Amino acid sequence: MTSRSVGRIRHRSTFVALRRPAGRVAVGPLRVSWVPPLPSDPFPQVSYAIGRRCGNAVERNRLRRRLRAVVGQAQLVPGSYLVIADPPAVNLGFSDLASTVGSAMSSAAAKGTR
């Protein structure tokens, strides 16, 4: 999928649903929650939570941009994802970040569809 087919989570109801996700996985410094899509959402939707412990605003925004680039290249199952980054994620190389995000997102969706 291209980056245009990955949307942002915009509705409060989706964030409320992510409090009790269908699938939740922690891989390395990332945690991913997943809920199934609504019929009106044919594409995956992703939101990011990067706390202040990850560094100053420059470091957090850099990590958010890197995560967006990785997610834009990933093959995602439709649904809503919440990616939560812990401080060690800032130090990951791009290829390590890509493999960690890919495995976490696919595992979360797989757990949710069981």
Protein backbone atom coordinates (compact mmCIF):
# COMPACT_ATOMS: atom_id res chain seq x y z
CA MET A 1 0.00 0.00 0.00
CA THR A 2 1.15 3.51 -0.59
CA SER A 3 1.33 6.21 2.03
CA ARG A 4 -1.86 7.78 0.62
CA SER A 5 -3.84 4.70 1.59
CA VAL A 6 -2.90 5.01 5.28
CA GLY A 7 -5.08 7.54 7.06
CA ARG A 8 -5.04 9.28 10.41
CA ILE A 9 -7.40 8.47 13.23
CA ARG A 10 -9.75 11.42 13.54
CA HIS A 11 -12.73 10.23 15.55
CA ARG A 12 -12.92 10.10 19.31
CA SER A 13 -14.86 6.85 19.13
CA THR A 14 -11.86 5.15 17.53
CA PHE A 15 -9.57 6.29 20.34
CA VAL A 16 -12.12 5.03 22.87
CA ALA A 17 -12.17 1.65 21.10
CA LEU A 18 -8.36 1.52 21.21
CA ARG A 19 -8.52 1.58 25.02
CA ARG A 20 -9.76 -2.02 24.80
CA PRO A 21 -8.13 -3.25 21.60
CA ALA A 22 -8.87 -6.51 19.85
CA GLY A 23 -5.13 -7.03 19.45
CA ARG A 24 -2.23 -5.64 21.50
CA VAL A 25 1.45 -6.46 21.04
CA ALA A 26 4.77 -5.18 22.44
CA VAL A 27 7.87 -5.70 20.30
CA GLY A 28 11.07 -4.12 21.56
CA PRO A 29 10.50 -0.44 22.30
CA LEU A 30 7.13 -0.30 20.50
CA ARG A 31 3.62 -1.24 21.57
CA VAL A 32 0.84 -1.52 19.02
CA SER A 33 -2.91 -1.73 19.60
CA TRP A 34 -5.37 -2.68 16.85
CA VAL A 35 -9.15 -2.58 16.45
CA PRO A 36 -11.10 -3.89 13.45
CA PRO A 37 -12.22 -1.41 10.80
CA LEU A 38 -15.63 0.09 10.48
CA PRO A 39 -17.42 -0.63 7.18
CA SER A 40 -16.87 3.01 6.21
CA ASP A 41 -13.06 2.73 6.66
CA PRO A 42 -11.56 0.65 3.83
CA PHE A 43 -7.99 1.74 4.61
CA PRO A 44 -5.83 1.35 7.72
CA GLN A 45 -5.74 4.30 10.10
CA VAL A 46 -2.74 4.99 12.32
CA SER A 47 -2.07 7.25 15.28
CA TYR A 48 1.17 7.69 17.23
CA ALA A 49 1.84 8.26 20.94
CA ILE A 50 5.34 9.46 21.70
CA GLY A 51 5.84 10.68 25.25
CA ARG A 52 8.21 13.29 26.61
CA ARG A 53 10.50 10.59 27.96
CA CYS A 54 11.54 9.97 24.34
CA GLY A 55 13.34 13.31 24.22
CA ASN A 56 12.73 16.91 23.37
CA ALA A 57 10.27 18.05 20.70
CA VAL A 58 12.83 17.75 17.91
CA GLU A 59 13.62 14.11 18.77
CA ARG A 60 9.95 13.19 19.22
CA ASN A 61 8.95 14.76 15.90
CA ARG A 62 11.85 13.06 14.12
CA LEU A 63 10.72 9.71 15.51
CA ARG A 64 7.11 10.42 14.44
CA ARG A 65 8.26 11.23 10.88
CA ARG A 66 10.36 8.06 10.76
CA LEU A 67 7.40 5.99 12.00
CA ARG A 68 5.15 7.53 9.35
CA ALA A 69 7.67 6.66 6.63
CA VAL A 70 7.90 3.06 7.87
CA VAL A 71 4.13 2.66 8.13
CA GLY A 72 3.69 4.14 4.65
CA GLN A 73 5.83 1.32 3.22
CA ALA A 74 4.24 -1.49 5.26
CA GLN A 75 1.51 -3.82 4.06
CA LEU A 76 -1.21 -3.29 6.67
CA VAL A 77 -4.46 -5.07 7.37
CA PRO A 78 -7.35 -2.55 7.44
CA GLY A 79 -8.21 -1.36 10.92
CA SER A 80 -7.13 1.29 13.39
CA TYR A 81 -3.65 1.14 14.90
CA LEU A 82 -2.14 3.02 17.83
CA VAL A 83 1.68 2.92 17.85
CA ILE A 84 3.21 3.78 21.23
CA ALA A 85 6.97 4.43 21.32
CA ASP A 86 9.22 4.01 24.34
CA PRO A 87 12.53 5.93 24.71
CA PRO A 88 14.83 3.25 23.16
CA ALA A 89 12.93 3.63 19.84
CA VAL A 90 14.71 6.96 19.26
CA ASN A 91 18.05 5.15 18.87
CA LEU A 92 16.89 2.47 16.41
CA GLY A 93 18.22 2.57 12.86
CA PHE A 94 15.70 2.86 10.05
CA SER A 95 15.89 -0.81 9.04
CA ASP A 96 15.54 -1.96 12.67
CA LEU A 97 12.62 0.40 13.15
CA ALA A 98 10.98 -0.87 9.96
CA SER A 99 11.27 -4.53 10.96
CA THR A 100 10.05 -3.82 14.51
CA VAL A 101 7.05 -1.81 13.35
CA GLY A 102 6.15 -4.33 10.65
CA SER A 103 6.24 -7.30 12.98
CA ALA A 104 4.38 -5.47 15.76
CA MET A 105 1.58 -4.25 13.49
CA SER A 106 1.08 -7.59 11.75
CA SER A 107 1.10 -9.42 15.10
CA ALA A 108 -1.43 -7.04 16.64
CA ALA A 109 -3.79 -7.45 13.69
CA ALA A 110 -3.34 -11.23 13.74
CA LYS A 111 -4.18 -11.39 17.45
CA GLY A 112 -7.24 -9.24 16.90
CA THR A 113 -8.67 -11.40 14.13
CA ARG A 114 -8.43 -14.67 16.09
